[in-house]
Amino acid sequence: MKVDILTLFPGICGAPLNESMMKRAQEKGIVDVHIHNLRDWTTDKHHVVDDVPFGGGQGMVMKPEPIFAAVEDLQQTSNLKAQTSKVILMSPAGRRLDQQLATKLSQESHLIIVCGHYEGVDQRVIERLVDLEISIGDYVLTNGAIAAAVLVDAIVRLLPGALGHEQS
């Protein structure tokens, strides 16, 4: 399984995904996790990733262009076909993560996880790109990177060989 995480804060989800069971699963080649800074796909000199919402509204949202560019790039550079990539948005409005959903996602070959921030992402990203929105609970977090780390941990522990004992 390959997992690409798009975030404005790579360090937040990097630590938990490079320790313990997650580290061993990566070393065994069971999962290949890459954390990407979404600012790497901006085109302006200041690496701006936020803008006012398309169609109006309060607050700032993540611009669609860097997200579209990042997902397209990750799909093209992956050894897997773009059609096999599932794009997930970490969002408080999403489907609640449970064991059944984690089990279903553990069957996928490539996950691209977009971590929300600000008031969320531009609606065009949800309409044109996202396959599934996921929430880890009814509470507010600093950003989607923390939720992405929880999601990846829940999925990877279900992969054959990731744990010492299958019943763990």
N, C-alpha and C. Protein backbone atom coordinates (compact mmCIF):
# COMPACT_ATOMS: atom_id res chain seq x y z
N MET A 1 0.84 -1.18 0.00
CA MET A 1 0.00 0.00 0.00
C MET A 1 0.89 1.24 0.00
N LYS A 2 0.45 2.23 -0.76
CA LYS A 2 1.14 3.52 -0.77
C LYS A 2 0.19 4.57 -0.20
N VAL A 3 0.73 5.43 0.67
CA VAL A 3 -0.06 6.52 1.26
C VAL A 3 0.70 7.82 1.07
N ASP A 4 0.05 8.78 0.43
CA ASP A 4 0.60 10.13 0.28
C ASP A 4 -0.28 11.06 1.10
N ILE A 5 0.36 11.86 1.95
CA ILE A 5 -0.37 12.81 2.79
C ILE A 5 0.02 14.22 2.37
N LEU A 6 -0.98 15.03 2.02
CA LEU A 6 -0.77 16.42 1.63
C LEU A 6 -1.19 17.31 2.80
N THR A 7 -0.24 18.09 3.32
CA THR A 7 -0.51 18.90 4.50
C THR A 7 0.30 20.18 4.46
N LEU A 8 -0.14 21.17 5.20
CA LEU A 8 0.65 22.39 5.38
C LEU A 8 1.63 22.24 6.53
N PHE A 9 1.49 21.15 7.29
CA PHE A 9 2.31 20.94 8.49
C PHE A 9 2.89 19.52 8.50
N PRO A 10 3.88 19.25 7.67
CA PRO A 10 4.43 17.89 7.57
C PRO A 10 4.97 17.34 8.89
N GLY A 11 5.50 18.19 9.74
CA GLY A 11 6.07 17.71 11.00
C GLY A 11 5.04 17.17 11.97
N ILE A 12 3.81 17.65 11.87
CA ILE A 12 2.78 17.22 12.83
C ILE A 12 2.45 15.74 12.68
N CYS A 13 2.29 15.29 11.44
CA CYS A 13 1.95 13.87 11.30
C CYS A 13 3.18 13.00 11.05
N GLY A 14 4.32 13.61 10.84
CA GLY A 14 5.53 12.83 10.59
C GLY A 14 5.98 11.99 11.76
N ALA A 15 5.99 12.57 12.95
CA ALA A 15 6.51 11.85 14.12
C ALA A 15 5.74 10.56 14.42
N PRO A 16 4.42 10.60 14.57
CA PRO A 16 3.73 9.34 14.89
C PRO A 16 3.79 8.30 13.78
N LEU A 17 3.99 8.73 12.56
CA LEU A 17 4.04 7.78 11.45
C LEU A 17 5.43 7.20 11.22
N ASN A 18 6.40 7.64 12.00
CA ASN A 18 7.76 7.13 11.87
C ASN A 18 8.24 6.47 13.16
N GLU A 19 7.32 5.98 13.95
CA GLU A 19 7.64 5.32 15.22
C GLU A 19 6.88 4.00 15.31
N SER A 20 7.35 3.13 16.19
CA SER A 20 6.64 1.93 16.61
C SER A 20 6.20 1.06 15.42
N MET A 21 4.96 0.61 15.46
CA MET A 21 4.43 -0.28 14.44
C MET A 21 4.48 0.34 13.05
N MET A 22 4.23 1.63 12.95
CA MET A 22 4.26 2.30 11.65
C MET A 22 5.65 2.25 11.04
N LYS A 23 6.65 2.48 11.85
CA LYS A 23 8.04 2.44 11.37
C LYS A 23 8.39 1.04 10.90
N ARG A 24 8.03 0.03 11.67
CA ARG A 24 8.33 -1.36 11.29
C ARG A 24 7.60 -1.75 10.01
N ALA A 25 6.36 -1.35 9.87
CA ALA A 25 5.59 -1.67 8.66
C ALA A 25 6.24 -1.05 7.42
N GLN A 26 6.77 0.15 7.57
CA GLN A 26 7.46 0.79 6.45
C GLN A 26 8.78 0.09 6.15
N GLU A 27 9.52 -0.26 7.20
CA GLU A 27 10.80 -0.95 7.00
C GLU A 27 10.61 -2.31 6.34
N LYS A 28 9.49 -2.98 6.61
CA LYS A 28 9.19 -4.28 6.01
C LYS A 28 8.65 -4.15 4.58
N GLY A 29 8.37 -2.92 4.15
CA GLY A 29 7.81 -2.70 2.82
C GLY A 29 6.33 -2.98 2.72
N ILE A 30 5.66 -3.06 3.85
CA ILE A 30 4.21 -3.31 3.88
C ILE A 30 3.45 -2.06 3.45
N VAL A 31 3.97 -0.92 3.85
CA VAL A 31 3.35 0.36 3.49
C VAL A 31 4.45 1.35 3.15
N ASP A 32 4.15 2.23 2.23
CA ASP A 32 5.08 3.28 1.82
C ASP A 32 4.37 4.61 2.07
N VAL A 33 4.77 5.31 3.14
CA VAL A 33 4.10 6.56 3.52
C VAL A 33 5.00 7.74 3.17
N HIS A 34 4.42 8.71 2.47
CA HIS A 34 5.13 9.94 2.13
C HIS A 34 4.29 11.13 2.58
N ILE A 35 4.94 12.05 3.27
CA ILE A 35 4.26 13.26 3.75
C ILE A 35 4.78 14.42 2.92
N HIS A 36 3.87 15.14 2.30
CA HIS A 36 4.23 16.22 1.38
C HIS A 36 3.73 17.56 1.89
N ASN A 37 4.55 18.59 1.71
CA ASN A 37 4.14 19.95 2.03
C ASN A 37 3.38 20.51 0.84
N LEU A 38 2.13 20.82 1.04
CA LEU A 38 1.28 21.32 -0.04
C LEU A 38 1.83 22.59 -0.67
N ARG A 39 2.61 23.35 0.08
CA ARG A 39 3.19 24.59 -0.46
C ARG A 39 4.15 24.31 -1.62
N ASP A 40 4.65 23.08 -1.72
CA ASP A 40 5.55 22.73 -2.82
C ASP A 40 4.86 22.79 -4.17
N TRP A 41 3.54 22.82 -4.20
CA TRP A 41 2.79 22.87 -5.46
C TRP A 41 2.19 24.24 -5.72
N THR A 42 2.61 25.26 -4.98
CA THR A 42 2.14 26.61 -5.27
C THR A 42 3.01 27.20 -6.37
N THR A 43 2.51 28.23 -7.03
CA THR A 43 3.25 28.82 -8.15
C THR A 43 3.71 30.24 -7.89
N ASP A 44 3.33 30.82 -6.75
CA ASP A 44 3.74 32.19 -6.46
C ASP A 44 4.95 32.18 -5.53
N LYS A 45 5.66 33.29 -5.48
CA LYS A 45 6.90 33.34 -4.70
C LYS A 45 6.68 33.25 -3.20
N HIS A 46 5.47 33.55 -2.73
CA HIS A 46 5.18 33.50 -1.30
C HIS A 46 4.55 32.17 -0.86
N HIS A 47 4.32 31.27 -1.81
CA HIS A 47 3.74 29.94 -1.53
C HIS A 47 2.39 30.05 -0.82
N VAL A 48 1.52 30.92 -1.32
CA VAL A 48 0.21 31.15 -0.72
C VAL A 48 -0.71 29.96 -1.01
N VAL A 49 -1.35 29.46 0.04
CA VAL A 49 -2.25 28.32 -0.09
C VAL A 49 -3.68 28.63 0.32
N ASP A 50 -3.94 29.85 0.80
CA ASP A 50 -5.28 30.19 1.25
C ASP A 50 -5.87 31.31 0.40
N ASP A 51 -7.20 31.36 0.39
CA ASP A 51 -7.91 32.37 -0.39
C ASP A 51 -9.32 32.48 0.19
N VAL A 52 -10.05 33.51 -0.25
CA VAL A 52 -11.45 33.64 0.16
C VAL A 52 -12.24 32.53 -0.53
N PRO A 53 -13.33 32.07 0.06
CA PRO A 53 -14.11 30.98 -0.54
C PRO A 53 -14.69 31.37 -1.89
N PHE A 54 -14.61 30.46 -2.85
CA PHE A 54 -15.24 30.63 -4.16
C PHE A 54 -16.74 30.68 -3.93
N GLY A 55 -17.38 31.73 -4.35
CA GLY A 55 -18.82 31.88 -4.14
C GLY A 55 -19.17 32.60 -2.85
N GLY A 56 -18.16 33.05 -2.11
CA GLY A 56 -18.42 33.81 -0.89
C GLY A 56 -18.42 32.98 0.37
N GLY A 57 -18.54 33.67 1.48
CA GLY A 57 -18.52 33.01 2.78
C GLY A 57 -17.46 33.63 3.67
N GLN A 58 -17.46 33.23 4.93
CA GLN A 58 -16.51 33.82 5.87
C GLN A 58 -15.24 33.00 5.95
N GLY A 59 -14.20 33.64 6.45
CA GLY A 59 -12.93 32.95 6.66
C GLY A 59 -12.17 32.68 5.38
N MET A 60 -11.11 31.92 5.53
CA MET A 60 -10.26 31.56 4.40
C MET A 60 -10.33 30.05 4.20
N VAL A 61 -10.16 29.64 2.96
CA VAL A 61 -10.13 28.21 2.64
C VAL A 61 -8.84 27.90 1.88
N MET A 62 -8.50 26.64 1.81
CA MET A 62 -7.33 26.23 1.05
C MET A 62 -7.65 26.35 -0.43
N LYS A 63 -6.73 26.97 -1.18
CA LYS A 63 -6.91 27.16 -2.61
C LYS A 63 -6.95 25.82 -3.33
N PRO A 64 -7.73 25.72 -4.40
CA PRO A 64 -7.82 24.44 -5.11
C PRO A 64 -6.60 24.13 -5.98
N GLU A 65 -5.97 25.14 -6.55
CA GLU A 65 -4.91 24.89 -7.53
C GLU A 65 -3.76 24.04 -6.99
N PRO A 66 -3.21 24.35 -5.82
CA PRO A 66 -2.12 23.50 -5.32
C PRO A 66 -2.58 22.06 -5.04
N ILE A 67 -3.81 21.90 -4.59
CA ILE A 67 -4.32 20.56 -4.30
C ILE A 67 -4.50 19.78 -5.60
N PHE A 68 -5.10 20.41 -6.61
CA PHE A 68 -5.25 19.74 -7.91
C PHE A 68 -3.89 19.34 -8.47
N ALA A 69 -2.93 20.26 -8.43
CA ALA A 69 -1.60 19.99 -8.98
C ALA A 69 -0.90 18.87 -8.21
N ALA A 70 -1.01 18.88 -6.90
CA ALA A 70 -0.35 17.87 -6.08
C ALA A 70 -0.93 16.48 -6.35
N VAL A 71 -2.24 16.37 -6.37
CA VAL A 71 -2.86 15.06 -6.60
C VAL A 71 -2.52 14.55 -7.99
N GLU A 72 -2.59 15.41 -8.98
CA GLU A 72 -2.23 14.99 -10.35
C GLU A 72 -0.78 14.52 -10.40
N ASP A 73 0.10 15.26 -9.78
CA ASP A 73 1.52 14.89 -9.77
C ASP A 73 1.73 13.55 -9.06
N LEU A 74 1.11 13.37 -7.92
CA LEU A 74 1.27 12.12 -7.17
C LEU A 74 0.70 10.93 -7.93
N GLN A 75 -0.39 11.13 -8.63
CA GLN A 75 -0.96 10.05 -9.43
C GLN A 75 -0.07 9.71 -10.62
N GLN A 76 0.53 10.72 -11.23
CA GLN A 76 1.39 10.48 -12.39
C GLN A 76 2.72 9.85 -12.01
N THR A 77 3.26 10.21 -10.85
CA THR A 77 4.56 9.68 -10.45
C THR A 77 4.45 8.35 -9.71
N SER A 78 3.25 7.95 -9.38
CA SER A 78 3.04 6.67 -8.70
C SER A 78 3.20 5.54 -9.71
N ASN A 79 3.66 4.41 -9.23
CA ASN A 79 3.74 3.22 -10.08
C ASN A 79 2.36 2.63 -10.30
N LEU A 80 1.37 3.16 -9.63
CA LEU A 80 0.00 2.66 -9.72
C LEU A 80 -0.79 3.52 -10.70
N LYS A 81 -1.86 2.97 -11.22
CA LYS A 81 -2.72 3.73 -12.13
C LYS A 81 -3.50 4.77 -11.34
N ALA A 82 -3.74 5.92 -11.96
CA ALA A 82 -4.48 7.00 -11.30
C ALA A 82 -5.86 6.53 -10.84
N GLN A 83 -6.46 5.61 -11.60
CA GLN A 83 -7.79 5.14 -11.24
C GLN A 83 -7.79 4.36 -9.93
N THR A 84 -6.62 3.85 -9.53
CA THR A 84 -6.56 3.08 -8.29
C THR A 84 -6.30 3.97 -7.07
N SER A 85 -6.05 5.24 -7.30
CA SER A 85 -5.82 6.17 -6.19
C SER A 85 -7.15 6.62 -5.62
N LYS A 86 -7.28 6.54 -4.30
CA LYS A 86 -8.47 7.05 -3.63
C LYS A 86 -8.07 8.34 -2.92
N VAL A 87 -8.75 9.44 -3.24
CA VAL A 87 -8.45 10.74 -2.64
C VAL A 87 -9.39 10.96 -1.46
N ILE A 88 -8.78 11.17 -0.29
CA ILE A 88 -9.53 11.34 0.95
C ILE A 88 -9.27 12.74 1.49
N LEU A 89 -10.32 13.40 1.93
CA LEU A 89 -10.20 14.70 2.60
C LEU A 89 -10.53 14.52 4.07
N MET A 90 -9.61 14.91 4.93
CA MET A 90 -9.89 14.91 6.37
C MET A 90 -10.74 16.14 6.65
N SER A 91 -11.96 15.92 7.12
CA SER A 91 -12.92 17.01 7.26
C SER A 91 -13.90 16.71 8.39
N PRO A 92 -14.24 17.72 9.20
CA PRO A 92 -15.24 17.48 10.25
C PRO A 92 -16.61 17.13 9.68
N ALA A 93 -16.84 17.43 8.41
CA ALA A 93 -18.13 17.12 7.78
C ALA A 93 -18.15 15.71 7.18
N GLY A 94 -17.05 14.99 7.29
CA GLY A 94 -16.94 13.68 6.66
C GLY A 94 -17.59 12.54 7.42
N ARG A 95 -17.51 11.37 6.80
CA ARG A 95 -17.99 10.14 7.43
C ARG A 95 -17.10 9.83 8.63
N ARG A 96 -17.71 9.43 9.71
CA ARG A 96 -16.96 9.13 10.94
C ARG A 96 -16.12 7.87 10.73
N LEU A 97 -14.85 7.96 11.08
CA LEU A 97 -13.95 6.82 11.00
C LEU A 97 -14.35 5.77 12.03
N ASP A 98 -14.49 4.54 11.56
CA ASP A 98 -14.72 3.41 12.46
C ASP A 98 -13.93 2.22 11.91
N GLN A 99 -13.97 1.10 12.62
CA GLN A 99 -13.17 -0.06 12.22
C GLN A 99 -13.59 -0.59 10.86
N GLN A 100 -14.87 -0.55 10.55
CA GLN A 100 -15.36 -1.03 9.26
C GLN A 100 -14.77 -0.19 8.12
N LEU A 101 -14.74 1.11 8.28
CA LEU A 101 -14.18 1.97 7.25
C LEU A 101 -12.67 1.76 7.13
N ALA A 102 -11.98 1.64 8.26
CA ALA A 102 -10.54 1.38 8.23
C ALA A 102 -10.24 0.08 7.50
N THR A 103 -11.04 -0.95 7.75
CA THR A 103 -10.86 -2.24 7.08
C THR A 103 -11.06 -2.10 5.58
N LYS A 104 -12.09 -1.38 5.18
CA LYS A 104 -12.35 -1.17 3.75
C LYS A 104 -11.18 -0.42 3.10
N LEU A 105 -10.68 0.61 3.75
CA LEU A 105 -9.58 1.39 3.18
C LEU A 105 -8.27 0.61 3.16
N SER A 106 -8.12 -0.38 4.04
CA SER A 106 -6.90 -1.18 4.05
C SER A 106 -6.79 -2.05 2.80
N GLN A 107 -7.86 -2.17 2.04
CA GLN A 107 -7.86 -2.94 0.79
C GLN A 107 -7.41 -2.11 -0.41
N GLU A 108 -7.28 -0.81 -0.23
CA GLU A 108 -6.88 0.07 -1.33
C GLU A 108 -5.38 -0.03 -1.58
N SER A 109 -4.96 0.25 -2.80
CA SER A 109 -3.53 0.20 -3.12
C SER A 109 -2.85 1.56 -2.95
N HIS A 110 -3.59 2.65 -3.12
CA HIS A 110 -2.99 3.98 -3.03
C HIS A 110 -4.00 4.96 -2.44
N LEU A 111 -3.63 5.57 -1.32
CA LEU A 111 -4.46 6.60 -0.70
C LEU A 111 -3.72 7.93 -0.79
N ILE A 112 -4.43 8.96 -1.21
CA ILE A 112 -3.92 10.33 -1.17
C ILE A 112 -4.81 11.06 -0.18
N ILE A 113 -4.21 11.48 0.93
CA ILE A 113 -4.97 12.10 2.01
C ILE A 113 -4.69 13.60 2.03
N VAL A 114 -5.72 14.39 1.86
CA VAL A 114 -5.61 15.85 1.89
C VAL A 114 -6.02 16.31 3.29
N CYS A 115 -5.13 17.03 3.95
CA CYS A 115 -5.39 17.52 5.30
C CYS A 115 -5.94 18.94 5.24
N GLY A 116 -7.14 19.13 5.71
CA GLY A 116 -7.76 20.44 5.70
C GLY A 116 -7.13 21.39 6.72
N HIS A 117 -7.36 22.67 6.49
CA HIS A 117 -6.91 23.72 7.40
C HIS A 117 -7.77 24.95 7.13
N TYR A 118 -7.63 25.98 7.93
CA TYR A 118 -8.45 27.18 7.85
C TYR A 118 -9.92 26.78 8.02
N GLU A 119 -10.80 27.30 7.17
CA GLU A 119 -12.22 26.93 7.23
C GLU A 119 -12.50 25.70 6.38
N GLY A 120 -11.46 25.08 5.86
CA GLY A 120 -11.62 23.90 5.01
C GLY A 120 -10.94 24.10 3.68
N VAL A 121 -11.43 23.37 2.67
CA VAL A 121 -10.88 23.49 1.33
C VAL A 121 -11.94 24.10 0.41
N ASP A 122 -11.49 24.67 -0.68
CA ASP A 122 -12.38 25.21 -1.69
C ASP A 122 -13.34 24.10 -2.14
N GLN A 123 -14.61 24.42 -2.26
CA GLN A 123 -15.64 23.44 -2.61
C GLN A 123 -15.34 22.71 -3.92
N ARG A 124 -14.63 23.36 -4.84
CA ARG A 124 -14.31 22.71 -6.11
C ARG A 124 -13.45 21.47 -5.91
N VAL A 125 -12.61 21.47 -4.88
CA VAL A 125 -11.79 20.29 -4.58
C VAL A 125 -12.70 19.12 -4.20
N ILE A 126 -13.67 19.38 -3.36
CA ILE A 126 -14.59 18.33 -2.92
C ILE A 126 -15.40 17.81 -4.10
N GLU A 127 -15.89 18.71 -4.93
CA GLU A 127 -16.75 18.31 -6.05
C GLU A 127 -16.00 17.58 -7.16
N ARG A 128 -14.76 17.96 -7.44
CA ARG A 128 -14.05 17.42 -8.60
C ARG A 128 -12.99 16.38 -8.30
N LEU A 129 -12.58 16.27 -7.05
CA LEU A 129 -11.40 15.46 -6.77
C LEU A 129 -11.59 14.43 -5.66
N VAL A 130 -12.28 14.79 -4.61
CA VAL A 130 -12.35 13.96 -3.41
C VAL A 130 -13.31 12.78 -3.60
N ASP A 131 -12.82 11.59 -3.26
CA ASP A 131 -13.65 10.39 -3.29
C ASP A 131 -14.40 10.18 -1.99
N LEU A 132 -13.79 10.61 -0.88
CA LEU A 132 -14.36 10.35 0.43
C LEU A 132 -13.88 11.39 1.43
N GLU A 133 -14.81 11.96 2.20
CA GLU A 133 -14.45 12.84 3.31
C GLU A 133 -14.55 12.03 4.60
N ILE A 134 -13.52 12.16 5.45
CA ILE A 134 -13.50 11.39 6.70
C ILE A 134 -13.27 12.33 7.88
N SER A 135 -14.01 12.07 8.95
CA SER A 135 -13.85 12.76 10.23
C SER A 135 -13.43 11.73 11.27
N ILE A 136 -12.60 12.13 12.22
CA ILE A 136 -12.25 11.19 13.29
C ILE A 136 -13.05 11.45 14.56
N GLY A 137 -13.96 12.42 14.53
CA GLY A 137 -14.79 12.66 15.70
C GLY A 137 -15.38 14.05 15.73
N ASP A 138 -16.28 14.26 16.66
CA ASP A 138 -16.98 15.53 16.79
C ASP A 138 -16.26 16.45 17.76
N TYR A 139 -15.13 16.94 17.34
CA TYR A 139 -14.35 17.90 18.11
C TYR A 139 -13.44 18.64 17.14
N VAL A 140 -12.88 19.74 17.57
CA VAL A 140 -12.06 20.59 16.71
C VAL A 140 -10.59 20.30 16.96
N LEU A 141 -9.84 20.11 15.87
CA LEU A 141 -8.39 19.94 15.93
C LEU A 141 -7.73 21.13 15.25
N THR A 142 -6.45 21.28 15.47
CA THR A 142 -5.70 22.38 14.87
C THR A 142 -5.73 22.30 13.35
N ASN A 143 -5.60 21.09 12.82
CA ASN A 143 -5.62 20.89 11.37
C ASN A 143 -5.82 19.41 11.07
N GLY A 144 -5.94 19.09 9.80
CA GLY A 144 -6.20 17.71 9.39
C GLY A 144 -5.02 16.77 9.49
N ALA A 145 -3.81 17.27 9.73
CA ALA A 145 -2.64 16.40 9.80
C ALA A 145 -2.73 15.44 10.98
N ILE A 146 -3.24 15.91 12.09
CA ILE A 146 -3.40 15.04 13.27
C ILE A 146 -4.39 13.93 12.95
N ALA A 147 -5.50 14.28 12.33
CA ALA A 147 -6.51 13.30 11.95
C ALA A 147 -5.96 12.31 10.92
N ALA A 148 -5.14 12.79 10.00
CA ALA A 148 -4.55 11.91 8.98
C ALA A 148 -3.66 10.86 9.63
N ALA A 149 -2.89 11.25 10.64
CA ALA A 149 -2.03 10.29 11.34
C ALA A 149 -2.87 9.20 12.01
N VAL A 150 -4.00 9.58 12.60
CA VAL A 150 -4.90 8.61 13.22
C VAL A 150 -5.45 7.66 12.16
N LEU A 151 -5.90 8.20 11.04
CA LEU A 151 -6.45 7.38 9.96
C LEU A 151 -5.42 6.37 9.45
N VAL A 152 -4.22 6.84 9.16
CA VAL A 152 -3.18 5.95 8.62
C VAL A 152 -2.83 4.86 9.62
N ASP A 153 -2.71 5.20 10.89
CA ASP A 153 -2.42 4.20 11.91
C ASP A 153 -3.51 3.13 11.96
N ALA A 154 -4.77 3.56 11.93
CA ALA A 154 -5.90 2.62 11.99
C ALA A 154 -5.91 1.67 10.79
N ILE A 155 -5.48 2.17 9.63
CA ILE A 155 -5.47 1.36 8.41
C ILE A 155 -4.27 0.41 8.39
N VAL A 156 -3.09 0.94 8.65
CA VAL A 156 -1.86 0.15 8.50
C VAL A 156 -1.84 -1.04 9.45
N ARG A 157 -2.35 -0.90 10.64
CA ARG A 157 -2.33 -2.02 11.59
C ARG A 157 -3.17 -3.19 11.09
N LEU A 158 -4.03 -2.97 10.11
CA LEU A 158 -4.85 -4.03 9.53
C LEU A 158 -4.17 -4.75 8.37
N LEU A 159 -3.06 -4.21 7.89
CA LEU A 159 -2.36 -4.84 6.77
C LEU A 159 -1.63 -6.09 7.23
N PRO A 160 -1.69 -7.16 6.45
CA PRO A 160 -1.01 -8.41 6.83
C PRO A 160 0.48 -8.18 7.09
N GLY A 161 0.94 -8.64 8.24
CA GLY A 161 2.35 -8.53 8.60
C GLY A 161 2.73 -7.27 9.34
N ALA A 162 1.82 -6.31 9.45
CA ALA A 162 2.15 -5.04 10.11
C ALA A 162 2.32 -5.20 11.61
N LEU A 163 1.55 -6.11 12.20
CA LEU A 163 1.63 -6.37 13.64
C LEU A 163 2.30 -7.71 13.88
N GLY A 164 2.86 -7.88 15.05
CA GLY A 164 3.48 -9.14 15.40
C GLY A 164 2.48 -10.29 15.43
N HIS A 165 1.28 -10.02 15.91
CA HIS A 165 0.22 -11.02 15.99
C HIS A 165 -1.00 -10.49 15.27
N GLU A 166 -1.56 -11.28 14.37
CA GLU A 166 -2.70 -10.85 13.56
C GLU A 166 -3.90 -10.41 14.41
N GLN A 167 -4.05 -10.95 15.62
CA GLN A 167 -5.21 -10.64 16.46
C GLN A 167 -5.02 -9.38 17.29
N SER A 168 -3.86 -8.73 17.18
CA SER A 168 -3.57 -7.53 17.99
C SER A 168 -4.45 -6.37 17.59
